[in-house]
Amino acid sequence: MNFCSFTGFLTEDPIIDNDEGVSHVKFTLVVYSYRKTKSTGEKSRIPTFLDCEAWHTGAETIKRFAAKGSKLHVHASARNPGKGQRGILFRINEFDIISQNQEELHA
């Protein structure tokens, strides 16, 4: 089973493209994990950048309602971007836009 679930923030405004009449958007999601050092007990935040894509009405919705800093919760499947290419591309199957920008999260 190829199922991934992440909550993170858009690193930039999504840009929509139209591939042969089908809406397509690519974006990067930054997801944070936290670690505590044993000696000082200090927490550090570690970013992980995930390349994502969405198609059809999902792409149009993300482009319309999400912007840089928006918090998204996504369910995706992982795949290789292409033969001979390295890395992982996450294809979005379902998503929730939680916030329009990071300032709203701290209010």
PDB file of N, CA and C in Angstrom:
ATOM      1  N   MET A   1       0.858  -1.175   0.000  1.00  0.00           N
ATOM      2  CA  MET A   1       0.000   0.000   0.000  1.00  0.00           C
ATOM      3  C   MET A   1       0.898   1.230   0.000  1.00  0.00           C
ATOM      4  N   ASN A   2       0.580   2.173  -0.846  1.00  0.00           N
ATOM      5  CA  ASN A   2       1.353   3.397  -1.004  1.00  0.00           C
ATOM      6  C   ASN A   2       0.488   4.557  -0.527  1.00  0.00           C
ATOM      7  N   PHE A   3       0.552   4.868   0.775  1.00  0.00           N
ATOM      8  CA  PHE A   3      -0.288   5.899   1.361  1.00  0.00           C
ATOM      9  C   PHE A   3       0.545   6.741   2.313  1.00  0.00           C
ATOM     10  N   CYS A   4       0.556   8.052   2.121  1.00  0.00           N
ATOM     11  CA  CYS A   4       1.310   8.974   2.963  1.00  0.00           C
ATOM     12  C   CYS A   4       0.372  10.072   3.449  1.00  0.00           C
ATOM     13  N   SER A   5       0.615  10.574   4.640  1.00  0.00           N
ATOM     14  CA  SER A   5      -0.187  11.660   5.194  1.00  0.00           C
ATOM     15  C   SER A   5       0.763  12.665   5.839  1.00  0.00           C
ATOM     16  N   PHE A   6       0.622  13.958   5.469  1.00  0.00           N
ATOM     17  CA  PHE A   6       1.503  15.000   5.985  1.00  0.00           C
ATOM     18  C   PHE A   6       0.693  16.243   6.314  1.00  0.00           C
ATOM     19  N   THR A   7       1.199  17.024   7.274  1.00  0.00           N
ATOM     20  CA  THR A   7       0.701  18.361   7.529  1.00  0.00           C
ATOM     21  C   THR A   7       1.889  19.290   7.469  1.00  0.00           C
ATOM     22  N   GLY A   8       1.792  20.312   6.621  1.00  0.00           N
ATOM     23  CA  GLY A   8       2.906  21.231   6.459  1.00  0.00           C
ATOM     24  C   GLY A   8       2.454  22.547   5.854  1.00  0.00           C
ATOM     25  N   PHE A   9       3.421  23.350   5.453  1.00  0.00           N
ATOM     26  CA  PHE A   9       3.171  24.693   4.943  1.00  0.00           C
ATOM     27  C   PHE A   9       3.689  24.824   3.520  1.00  0.00           C
ATOM     28  N   LEU A  10       2.956  25.570   2.690  1.00  0.00           N
ATOM     29  CA  LEU A  10       3.416  25.854   1.331  1.00  0.00           C
ATOM     30  C   LEU A  10       4.614  26.791   1.397  1.00  0.00           C
ATOM     31  N   THR A  11       5.664  26.470   0.650  1.00  0.00           N
ATOM     32  CA  THR A  11       6.867  27.306   0.648  1.00  0.00           C
ATOM     33  C   THR A  11       6.759  28.467  -0.335  1.00  0.00           C
ATOM     34  N   GLU A  12       5.816  28.394  -1.268  1.00  0.00           N
ATOM     35  CA  GLU A  12       5.604  29.463  -2.246  1.00  0.00           C
ATOM     36  C   GLU A  12       4.190  29.352  -2.793  1.00  0.00           C
ATOM     37  N   ASP A  13       3.752  30.375  -3.502  1.00  0.00           N
ATOM     38  CA  ASP A  13       2.429  30.319  -4.115  1.00  0.00           C
ATOM     39  C   ASP A  13       2.399  29.212  -5.169  1.00  0.00           C
ATOM     40  N   PRO A  14       1.350  28.386  -5.184  1.00  0.00           N
ATOM     41  CA  PRO A  14       1.270  27.329  -6.193  1.00  0.00           C
ATOM     42  C   PRO A  14       1.048  27.919  -7.584  1.00  0.00           C
ATOM     43  N   ILE A  15       1.649  27.307  -8.581  1.00  0.00           N
ATOM     44  CA  ILE A  15       1.509  27.742  -9.966  1.00  0.00           C
ATOM     45  C   ILE A  15       0.794  26.646 -10.734  1.00  0.00           C
ATOM     46  N   ILE A  16      -0.312  27.013 -11.359  1.00  0.00           N
ATOM     47  CA  ILE A  16      -1.110  26.027 -12.082  1.00  0.00           C
ATOM     48  C   ILE A  16      -0.674  25.991 -13.546  1.00  0.00           C
ATOM     49  N   ASP A  17      -0.723  24.801 -14.116  1.00  0.00           N
ATOM     50  CA  ASP A  17      -0.396  24.583 -15.516  1.00  0.00           C
ATOM     51  C   ASP A  17      -1.557  23.817 -16.128  1.00  0.00           C
ATOM     52  N   ASN A  18      -1.657  23.842 -17.425  1.00  0.00           N
ATOM     53  CA  ASN A  18      -2.729  23.140 -18.107  1.00  0.00           C
ATOM     54  C   ASN A  18      -2.107  22.167 -19.102  1.00  0.00           C
ATOM     55  N   ASP A  19      -2.032  20.886 -18.720  1.00  0.00           N
ATOM     56  CA  ASP A  19      -1.454  19.840 -19.575  1.00  0.00           C
ATOM     57  C   ASP A  19      -2.557  19.198 -20.407  1.00  0.00           C
ATOM     58  N   GLU A  20      -2.619  19.583 -21.663  1.00  0.00           N
ATOM     59  CA  GLU A  20      -3.594  19.023 -22.602  1.00  0.00           C
ATOM     60  C   GLU A  20      -5.020  19.093 -22.060  1.00  0.00           C
ATOM     61  N   GLY A  21      -5.380  20.252 -21.502  1.00  0.00           N
ATOM     62  CA  GLY A  21      -6.732  20.468 -21.008  1.00  0.00           C
ATOM     63  C   GLY A  21      -6.972  20.010 -19.582  1.00  0.00           C
ATOM     64  N   VAL A  22      -5.954  19.492 -18.912  1.00  0.00           N
ATOM     65  CA  VAL A  22      -6.097  19.013 -17.535  1.00  0.00           C
ATOM     66  C   VAL A  22      -5.284  19.928 -16.613  1.00  0.00           C
ATOM     67  N   SER A  23      -5.936  20.463 -15.584  1.00  0.00           N
ATOM     68  CA  SER A  23      -5.253  21.337 -14.630  1.00  0.00           C
ATOM     69  C   SER A  23      -4.265  20.539 -13.797  1.00  0.00           C
ATOM     70  N   HIS A  24      -3.088  21.144 -13.577  1.00  0.00           N
ATOM     71  CA  HIS A  24      -1.999  20.477 -12.874  1.00  0.00           C
ATOM     72  C   HIS A  24      -1.246  21.539 -12.077  1.00  0.00           C
ATOM     73  N   VAL A  25      -0.999  21.277 -10.804  1.00  0.00           N
ATOM     74  CA  VAL A  25      -0.252  22.218  -9.980  1.00  0.00           C
ATOM     75  C   VAL A  25       0.864  21.465  -9.253  1.00  0.00           C
ATOM     76  N   LYS A  26       2.043  22.075  -9.206  1.00  0.00           N
ATOM     77  CA  LYS A  26       3.166  21.536  -8.439  1.00  0.00           C
ATOM     78  C   LYS A  26       3.498  22.539  -7.351  1.00  0.00           C
ATOM     79  N   PHE A  27       3.854  22.016  -6.173  1.00  0.00           N
ATOM     80  CA  PHE A  27       4.217  22.891  -5.062  1.00  0.00           C
ATOM     81  C   PHE A  27       5.103  22.120  -4.093  1.00  0.00           C
ATOM     82  N   THR A  28       5.767  22.864  -3.217  1.00  0.00           N
ATOM     83  CA  THR A  28       6.609  22.259  -2.196  1.00  0.00           C
ATOM     84  C   THR A  28       5.965  22.498  -0.841  1.00  0.00           C
ATOM     85  N   LEU A  29       5.907  21.441  -0.063  1.00  0.00           N
ATOM     86  CA  LEU A  29       5.351  21.480   1.283  1.00  0.00           C
ATOM     87  C   LEU A  29       6.508  21.287   2.256  1.00  0.00           C
ATOM     88  N   VAL A  30       6.632  22.138   3.262  1.00  0.00           N
ATOM     89  CA  VAL A  30       7.642  21.950   4.292  1.00  0.00           C
ATOM     90  C   VAL A  30       6.949  21.373   5.526  1.00  0.00           C
ATOM     91  N   VAL A  31       7.504  20.265   5.994  1.00  0.00           N
ATOM     92  CA  VAL A  31       6.982  19.547   7.156  1.00  0.00           C
ATOM     93  C   VAL A  31       8.062  19.573   8.223  1.00  0.00           C
ATOM     94  N   TYR A  32       7.682  19.871   9.453  1.00  0.00           N
ATOM     95  CA  TYR A  32       8.667  19.981  10.525  1.00  0.00           C
ATOM     96  C   TYR A  32       8.590  18.790  11.477  1.00  0.00           C
ATOM     97  N   SER A  33       9.763  18.332  11.893  1.00  0.00           N
ATOM     98  CA  SER A  33       9.847  17.362  12.977  1.00  0.00           C
ATOM     99  C   SER A  33      10.663  18.020  14.088  1.00  0.00           C
ATOM    100  N   TYR A  34      10.520  17.530  15.283  1.00  0.00           N
ATOM    101  CA  TYR A  34      11.177  18.149  16.433  1.00  0.00           C
ATOM    102  C   TYR A  34      12.025  17.122  17.153  1.00  0.00           C
ATOM    103  N   ARG A  35      13.190  17.578  17.579  1.00  0.00           N
ATOM    104  CA  ARG A  35      14.085  16.712  18.355  1.00  0.00           C
ATOM    105  C   ARG A  35      14.528  17.468  19.595  1.00  0.00           C
ATOM    106  N   LYS A  36      14.718  16.721  20.669  1.00  0.00           N
ATOM    107  CA  LYS A  36      15.189  17.306  21.918  1.00  0.00           C
ATOM    108  C   LYS A  36      16.591  16.761  22.192  1.00  0.00           C
ATOM    109  N   THR A  37      17.537  17.667  22.471  1.00  0.00           N
ATOM    110  CA  THR A  37      18.894  17.222  22.797  1.00  0.00           C
ATOM    111  C   THR A  37      18.908  16.678  24.217  1.00  0.00           C
ATOM    112  N   LYS A  38      19.636  15.590  24.401  1.00  0.00           N
ATOM    113  CA  LYS A  38      19.676  14.948  25.715  1.00  0.00           C
ATOM    114  C   LYS A  38      20.384  15.817  26.749  1.00  0.00           C
ATOM    115  N   SER A  39      21.467  16.452  26.361  1.00  0.00           N
ATOM    116  CA  SER A  39      22.267  17.193  27.332  1.00  0.00           C
ATOM    117  C   SER A  39      21.581  18.463  27.841  1.00  0.00           C
ATOM    118  N   THR A  40      20.952  19.228  26.949  1.00  0.00           N
ATOM    119  CA  THR A  40      20.352  20.497  27.370  1.00  0.00           C
ATOM    120  C   THR A  40      18.831  20.448  27.440  1.00  0.00           C
ATOM    121  N   GLY A  41      18.227  19.477  26.804  1.00  0.00           N
ATOM    122  CA  GLY A  41      16.773  19.400  26.761  1.00  0.00           C
ATOM    123  C   GLY A  41      16.156  20.398  25.798  1.00  0.00           C
ATOM    124  N   GLU A  42      17.001  21.063  25.017  1.00  0.00           N
ATOM    125  CA  GLU A  42      16.544  22.068  24.067  1.00  0.00           C
ATOM    126  C   GLU A  42      15.931  21.403  22.840  1.00  0.00           C
ATOM    127  N   LYS A  43      14.788  21.948  22.388  1.00  0.00           N
ATOM    128  CA  LYS A  43      14.122  21.423  21.198  1.00  0.00           C
ATOM    129  C   LYS A  43      14.662  22.122  19.958  1.00  0.00           C
ATOM    130  N   SER A  44      14.834  21.344  18.899  1.00  0.00           N
ATOM    131  CA  SER A  44      15.199  21.940  17.614  1.00  0.00           C
ATOM    132  C   SER A  44      14.186  21.484  16.569  1.00  0.00           C
ATOM    133  N   ARG A  45      13.888  22.376  15.640  1.00  0.00           N
ATOM    134  CA  ARG A  45      12.916  22.110  14.590  1.00  0.00           C
ATOM    135  C   ARG A  45      13.677  21.762  13.311  1.00  0.00           C
ATOM    136  N   ILE A  46      13.334  20.626  12.716  1.00  0.00           N
ATOM    137  CA  ILE A  46      14.028  20.132  11.528  1.00  0.00           C
ATOM    138  C   ILE A  46      13.049  20.117  10.358  1.00  0.00           C
ATOM    139  N   PRO A  47      13.336  20.921   9.299  1.00  0.00           N
ATOM    140  CA  PRO A  47      12.439  20.953   8.150  1.00  0.00           C
ATOM    141  C   PRO A  47      12.719  19.829   7.156  1.00  0.00           C
ATOM    142  N   THR A  48      11.658  19.326   6.539  1.00  0.00           N
ATOM    143  CA  THR A  48      11.761  18.377   5.423  1.00  0.00           C
ATOM    144  C   THR A  48      10.905  18.953   4.303  1.00  0.00           C
ATOM    145  N   PHE A  49      11.499  19.067   3.108  1.00  0.00           N
ATOM    146  CA  PHE A  49      10.804  19.652   1.968  1.00  0.00           C
ATOM    147  C   PHE A  49      10.299  18.544   1.056  1.00  0.00           C
ATOM    148  N   LEU A  50       8.989  18.580   0.753  1.00  0.00           N
ATOM    149  CA  LEU A  50       8.344  17.537  -0.041  1.00  0.00           C
ATOM    150  C   LEU A  50       7.805  18.139  -1.331  1.00  0.00           C
ATOM    151  N   ASP A  51       8.204  17.583  -2.470  1.00  0.00           N
ATOM    152  CA  ASP A  51       7.678  18.014  -3.767  1.00  0.00           C
ATOM    153  C   ASP A  51       6.345  17.315  -3.998  1.00  0.00           C
ATOM    154  N   CYS A  52       5.307  18.110  -4.280  1.00  0.00           N
ATOM    155  CA  CYS A  52       3.949  17.576  -4.426  1.00  0.00           C
ATOM    156  C   CYS A  52       3.339  18.028  -5.749  1.00  0.00           C
ATOM    157  N   GLU A  53       2.324  17.282  -6.181  1.00  0.00           N
ATOM    158  CA  GLU A  53       1.548  17.668  -7.354  1.00  0.00           C
ATOM    159  C   GLU A  53       0.094  17.285  -7.125  1.00  0.00           C
ATOM    160  N   ALA A  54      -0.799  18.057  -7.737  1.00  0.00           N
ATOM    161  CA  ALA A  54      -2.233  17.766  -7.698  1.00  0.00           C
ATOM    162  C   ALA A  54      -2.782  17.981  -9.096  1.00  0.00           C
ATOM    163  N   TRP A  55      -3.876  17.293  -9.401  1.00  0.00           N
ATOM    164  CA  TRP A  55      -4.465  17.329 -10.731  1.00  0.00           C
ATOM    165  C   TRP A  55      -5.942  17.689 -10.651  1.00  0.00           C
ATOM    166  N   HIS A  56      -6.491  18.084 -11.770  1.00  0.00           N
ATOM    167  CA  HIS A  56      -7.917  18.326 -11.969  1.00  0.00           C
ATOM    168  C   HIS A  56      -8.456  19.382 -10.998  1.00  0.00           C
ATOM    169  N   THR A  57      -9.606  19.121 -10.392  1.00  0.00           N
ATOM    170  CA  THR A  57     -10.236  20.112  -9.515  1.00  0.00           C
ATOM    171  C   THR A  57      -9.419  20.345  -8.243  1.00  0.00           C
ATOM    172  N   GLY A  58      -8.666  19.341  -7.808  1.00  0.00           N
ATOM    173  CA  GLY A  58      -7.787  19.528  -6.648  1.00  0.00           C
ATOM    174  C   GLY A  58      -6.747  20.596  -6.929  1.00  0.00           C
ATOM    175  N   ALA A  59      -6.170  20.569  -8.117  1.00  0.00           N
ATOM    176  CA  ALA A  59      -5.184  21.572  -8.514  1.00  0.00           C
ATOM    177  C   ALA A  59      -5.813  22.961  -8.543  1.00  0.00           C
ATOM    178  N   GLU A  60      -7.004  23.056  -9.099  1.00  0.00           N
ATOM    179  CA  GLU A  60      -7.687  24.347  -9.195  1.00  0.00           C
ATOM    180  C   GLU A  60      -8.039  24.898  -7.812  1.00  0.00           C
ATOM    181  N   THR A  61      -8.455  24.027  -6.896  1.00  0.00           N
ATOM    182  CA  THR A  61      -8.808  24.447  -5.541  1.00  0.00           C
ATOM    183  C   THR A  61      -7.580  24.926  -4.777  1.00  0.00           C
ATOM    184  N   ILE A  62      -6.484  24.184  -4.881  1.00  0.00           N
ATOM    185  CA  ILE A  62      -5.248  24.596  -4.200  1.00  0.00           C
ATOM    186  C   ILE A  62      -4.788  25.949  -4.730  1.00  0.00           C
ATOM    187  N   LYS A  63      -4.799  26.125  -6.040  1.00  0.00           N
ATOM    188  CA  LYS A  63      -4.379  27.397  -6.631  1.00  0.00           C
ATOM    189  C   LYS A  63      -5.277  28.540  -6.173  1.00  0.00           C
ATOM    190  N   ARG A  64      -6.572  28.284  -6.078  1.00  0.00           N
ATOM    191  CA  ARG A  64      -7.523  29.345  -5.742  1.00  0.00           C
ATOM    192  C   ARG A  64      -7.494  29.755  -4.270  1.00  0.00           C
ATOM    193  N   PHE A  65      -7.346  28.779  -3.356  1.00  0.00           N
ATOM    194  CA  PHE A  65      -7.508  29.064  -1.937  1.00  0.00           C
ATOM    195  C   PHE A  65      -6.234  28.988  -1.106  1.00  0.00           C
ATOM    196  N   ALA A  66      -5.121  28.511  -1.658  1.00  0.00           N
ATOM    197  CA  ALA A  66      -3.887  28.383  -0.879  1.00  0.00           C
ATOM    198  C   ALA A  66      -2.818  29.320  -1.432  1.00  0.00           C
ATOM    199  N   ALA A  67      -1.961  29.793  -0.554  1.00  0.00           N
ATOM    200  CA  ALA A  67      -0.868  30.685  -0.930  1.00  0.00           C
ATOM    201  C   ALA A  67       0.339  30.354  -0.056  1.00  0.00           C
ATOM    202  N   LYS A  68       1.446  30.997  -0.348  1.00  0.00           N
ATOM    203  CA  LYS A  68       2.654  30.792   0.450  1.00  0.00           C
ATOM    204  C   LYS A  68       2.316  30.936   1.932  1.00  0.00           C
ATOM    205  N   GLY A  69       2.735  29.949   2.738  1.00  0.00           N
ATOM    206  CA  GLY A  69       2.471  29.968   4.169  1.00  0.00           C
ATOM    207  C   GLY A  69       1.209  29.244   4.583  1.00  0.00           C
ATOM    208  N   SER A  70       0.342  28.888   3.636  1.00  0.00           N
ATOM    209  CA  SER A  70      -0.883  28.159   3.975  1.00  0.00           C
ATOM    210  C   SER A  70      -0.540  26.798   4.566  1.00  0.00           C
ATOM    211  N   LYS A  71      -1.306  26.419   5.564  1.00  0.00           N
ATOM    212  CA  LYS A  71      -1.109  25.112   6.191  1.00  0.00           C
ATOM    213  C   LYS A  71      -2.042  24.117   5.517  1.00  0.00           C
ATOM    214  N   LEU A  72      -1.468  23.013   5.035  1.00  0.00           N
ATOM    215  CA  LEU A  72      -2.239  21.983   4.351  1.00  0.00           C
ATOM    216  C   LEU A  72      -2.027  20.643   5.033  1.00  0.00           C
ATOM    217  N   HIS A  73      -3.092  19.865   5.091  1.00  0.00           N
ATOM    218  CA  HIS A  73      -2.999  18.466   5.491  1.00  0.00           C
ATOM    219  C   HIS A  73      -3.318  17.666   4.235  1.00  0.00           C
ATOM    220  N   VAL A  74      -2.385  16.791   3.825  1.00  0.00           N
ATOM    221  CA  VAL A  74      -2.553  16.071   2.569  1.00  0.00           C
ATOM    222  C   VAL A  74      -2.455  14.560   2.771  1.00  0.00           C
ATOM    223  N   HIS A  75      -3.193  13.835   1.956  1.00  0.00           N
ATOM    224  CA  HIS A  75      -3.066  12.388   1.817  1.00  0.00           C
ATOM    225  C   HIS A  75      -2.552  12.193   0.395  1.00  0.00           C
ATOM    226  N   ALA A  76      -1.474  11.455   0.263  1.00  0.00           N
ATOM    227  CA  ALA A  76      -0.816  11.359  -1.036  1.00  0.00           C
ATOM    228  C   ALA A  76      -0.268   9.960  -1.260  1.00  0.00           C
ATOM    229  N   SER A  77       0.140   9.725  -2.503  1.00  0.00           N
ATOM    230  CA  SER A  77       0.879   8.512  -2.837  1.00  0.00           C
ATOM    231  C   SER A  77       2.251   8.946  -3.348  1.00  0.00           C
ATOM    232  N   ALA A  78       3.277   8.196  -2.992  1.00  0.00           N
ATOM    233  CA  ALA A  78       4.649   8.526  -3.387  1.00  0.00           C
ATOM    234  C   ALA A  78       4.977   7.825  -4.700  1.00  0.00           C
ATOM    235  N   ARG A  79       5.726   8.541  -5.556  1.00  0.00           N
ATOM    236  CA  ARG A  79       6.152   7.930  -6.809  1.00  0.00           C
ATOM    237  C   ARG A  79       7.444   8.577  -7.268  1.00  0.00           C
ATOM    238  N   ASN A  80       8.138   7.905  -8.167  1.00  0.00           N
ATOM    239  CA  ASN A  80       9.334   8.476  -8.772  1.00  0.00           C
ATOM    240  C   ASN A  80       8.896   9.508  -9.800  1.00  0.00           C
ATOM    241  N   PRO A  81       9.644  10.625  -9.921  1.00  0.00           N
ATOM    242  CA  PRO A  81       9.246  11.643 -10.890  1.00  0.00           C
ATOM    243  C   PRO A  81       9.379  11.183 -12.337  1.00  0.00           C
ATOM    244  N   GLY A  82      10.230  10.222 -12.609  1.00  0.00           N
ATOM    245  CA  GLY A  82      10.409   9.726 -13.969  1.00  0.00           C
ATOM    246  C   GLY A  82      11.544   8.722 -14.019  1.00  0.00           C
ATOM    247  N   LYS A  83      11.598   7.979 -15.090  1.00  0.00           N
ATOM    248  CA  LYS A  83      12.633   6.967 -15.229  1.00  0.00           C
ATOM    249  C   LYS A  83      14.010   7.633 -15.221  1.00  0.00           C
ATOM    250  N   GLY A  84      14.884   7.128 -14.387  1.00  0.00           N
ATOM    251  CA  GLY A  84      16.237   7.644 -14.287  1.00  0.00           C
ATOM    252  C   GLY A  84      16.373   8.896 -13.440  1.00  0.00           C
ATOM    253  N   GLN A  85      15.257   9.423 -12.923  1.00  0.00           N
ATOM    254  CA  GLN A  85      15.314  10.615 -12.077  1.00  0.00           C
ATOM    255  C   GLN A  85      15.293  10.204 -10.615  1.00  0.00           C
ATOM    256  N   ARG A  86      16.011  10.956  -9.801  1.00  0.00           N
ATOM    257  CA  ARG A  86      16.068  10.672  -8.373  1.00  0.00           C
ATOM    258  C   ARG A  86      15.039  11.517  -7.637  1.00  0.00           C
ATOM    259  N   GLY A  87      14.712  11.076  -6.450  1.00  0.00           N
ATOM    260  CA  GLY A  87      13.776  11.825  -5.620  1.00  0.00           C
ATOM    261  C   GLY A  87      12.413  11.171  -5.596  1.00  0.00           C
ATOM    262  N   ILE A  88      11.532  11.794  -4.834  1.00  0.00           N
ATOM    263  CA  ILE A  88      10.167  11.302  -4.686  1.00  0.00           C
ATOM    264  C   ILE A  88       9.212  12.465  -4.927  1.00  0.00           C
ATOM    265  N   LEU A  89       8.162  12.202  -5.658  1.00  0.00           N
ATOM    266  CA  LEU A  89       7.107  13.173  -5.913  1.00  0.00           C
ATOM    267  C   LEU A  89       5.835  12.623  -5.267  1.00  0.00           C
ATOM    268  N   PHE A  90       5.171  13.452  -4.489  1.00  0.00           N
ATOM    269  CA  PHE A  90       3.950  13.028  -3.803  1.00  0.00           C
ATOM    270  C   PHE A  90       2.741  13.526  -4.581  1.00  0.00           C
ATOM    271  N   ARG A  91       1.931  12.595  -5.052  1.00  0.00           N
ATOM    272  CA  ARG A  91       0.710  12.946  -5.772  1.00  0.00           C
ATOM    273  C   ARG A  91      -0.432  13.038  -4.772  1.00  0.00           C
ATOM    274  N   ILE A  92      -1.046  14.209  -4.711  1.00  0.00           N
ATOM    275  CA  ILE A  92      -2.072  14.489  -3.718  1.00  0.00           C
ATOM    276  C   ILE A  92      -3.386  13.825  -4.130  1.00  0.00           C
ATOM    277  N   ASN A  93      -3.936  13.029  -3.214  1.00  0.00           N
ATOM    278  CA  ASN A  93      -5.220  12.372  -3.435  1.00  0.00           C
ATOM    279  C   ASN A  93      -6.354  13.122  -2.732  1.00  0.00           C
ATOM    280  N   GLU A  94      -6.092  13.584  -1.513  1.00  0.00           N
ATOM    281  CA  GLU A  94      -7.054  14.353  -0.720  1.00  0.00           C
ATOM    282  C   GLU A  94      -6.282  15.400   0.051  1.00  0.00           C
ATOM    283  N   PHE A  95      -6.941  16.514   0.376  1.00  0.00           N
ATOM    284  CA  PHE A  95      -6.266  17.552   1.149  1.00  0.00           C
ATOM    285  C   PHE A  95      -7.277  18.421   1.881  1.00  0.00           C
ATOM    286  N   ASP A  96      -6.791  19.092   2.922  1.00  0.00           N
ATOM    287  CA  ASP A  96      -7.542  20.113   3.652  1.00  0.00           C
ATOM    288  C   ASP A  96      -6.647  21.328   3.763  1.00  0.00           C
ATOM    289  N   ILE A  97      -7.178  22.498   3.451  1.00  0.00           N
ATOM    290  CA  ILE A  97      -6.442  23.742   3.656  1.00  0.00           C
ATOM    291  C   ILE A  97      -6.823  24.229   5.045  1.00  0.00           C
ATOM    292  N   ILE A  98      -5.851  24.280   5.935  1.00  0.00           N
ATOM    293  CA  ILE A  98      -6.123  24.590   7.331  1.00  0.00           C
ATOM    294  C   ILE A  98      -6.034  26.084   7.602  1.00  0.00           C
ATOM    295  N   SER A  99      -5.115  26.782   6.926  1.00  0.00           N
ATOM    296  CA  SER A  99      -4.925  28.201   7.186  1.00  0.00           C
ATOM    297  C   SER A  99      -4.430  28.904   5.935  1.00  0.00           C
ATOM    298  N   GLN A 100      -4.798  30.156   5.770  1.00  0.00           N
ATOM    299  CA  GLN A 100      -4.357  30.919   4.606  1.00  0.00           C
ATOM    300  C   GLN A 100      -2.930  31.419   4.749  1.00  0.00           C
ATOM    301  N   ASN A 101      -2.470  31.700   5.961  1.00  0.00           N
ATOM    302  CA  ASN A 101      -1.087  32.120   6.146  1.00  0.00           C
ATOM    303  C   ASN A 101      -0.625  31.817   7.559  1.00  0.00           C
ATOM    304  N   GLN A 102       0.672  31.882   7.779  1.00  0.00           N
ATOM    305  CA  GLN A 102       1.236  31.492   9.058  1.00  0.00           C
ATOM    306  C   GLN A 102       0.843  32.443  10.182  1.00  0.00           C
ATOM    307  N   GLU A 103       0.578  33.716   9.886  1.00  0.00           N
ATOM    308  CA  GLU A 103       0.199  34.659  10.940  1.00  0.00           C
ATOM    309  C   GLU A 103      -1.081  34.223  11.633  1.00  0.00           C
ATOM    310  N   GLU A 104      -2.019  33.619  10.886  1.00  0.00           N
ATOM    311  CA  GLU A 104      -3.276  33.172  11.476  1.00  0.00           C
ATOM    312  C   GLU A 104      -3.053  32.047  12.485  1.00  0.00           C
ATOM    313  N   LEU A 105      -1.981  31.274  12.313  1.00  0.00           N
ATOM    314  CA  LEU A 105      -1.734  30.141  13.189  1.00  0.00           C
ATOM    315  C   LEU A 105      -1.344  30.591  14.588  1.00  0.00           C
ATOM    316  N   HIS A 106      -0.716  31.757  14.691  1.00  0.00           N
ATOM    317  CA  HIS A 106      -0.210  32.226  15.982  1.00  0.00           C
ATOM    318  C   HIS A 106      -1.156  33.225  16.651  1.00  0.00           C
ATOM    319  N   ALA A 107      -2.273  33.475  16.009  1.00  0.00           N
ATOM    320  CA  ALA A 107      -3.224  34.452  16.583  1.00  0.00           C
ATOM    321  C   ALA A 107      -4.087  33.818  17.656  1.00  0.00           C
TER     322      ALA A 107
END
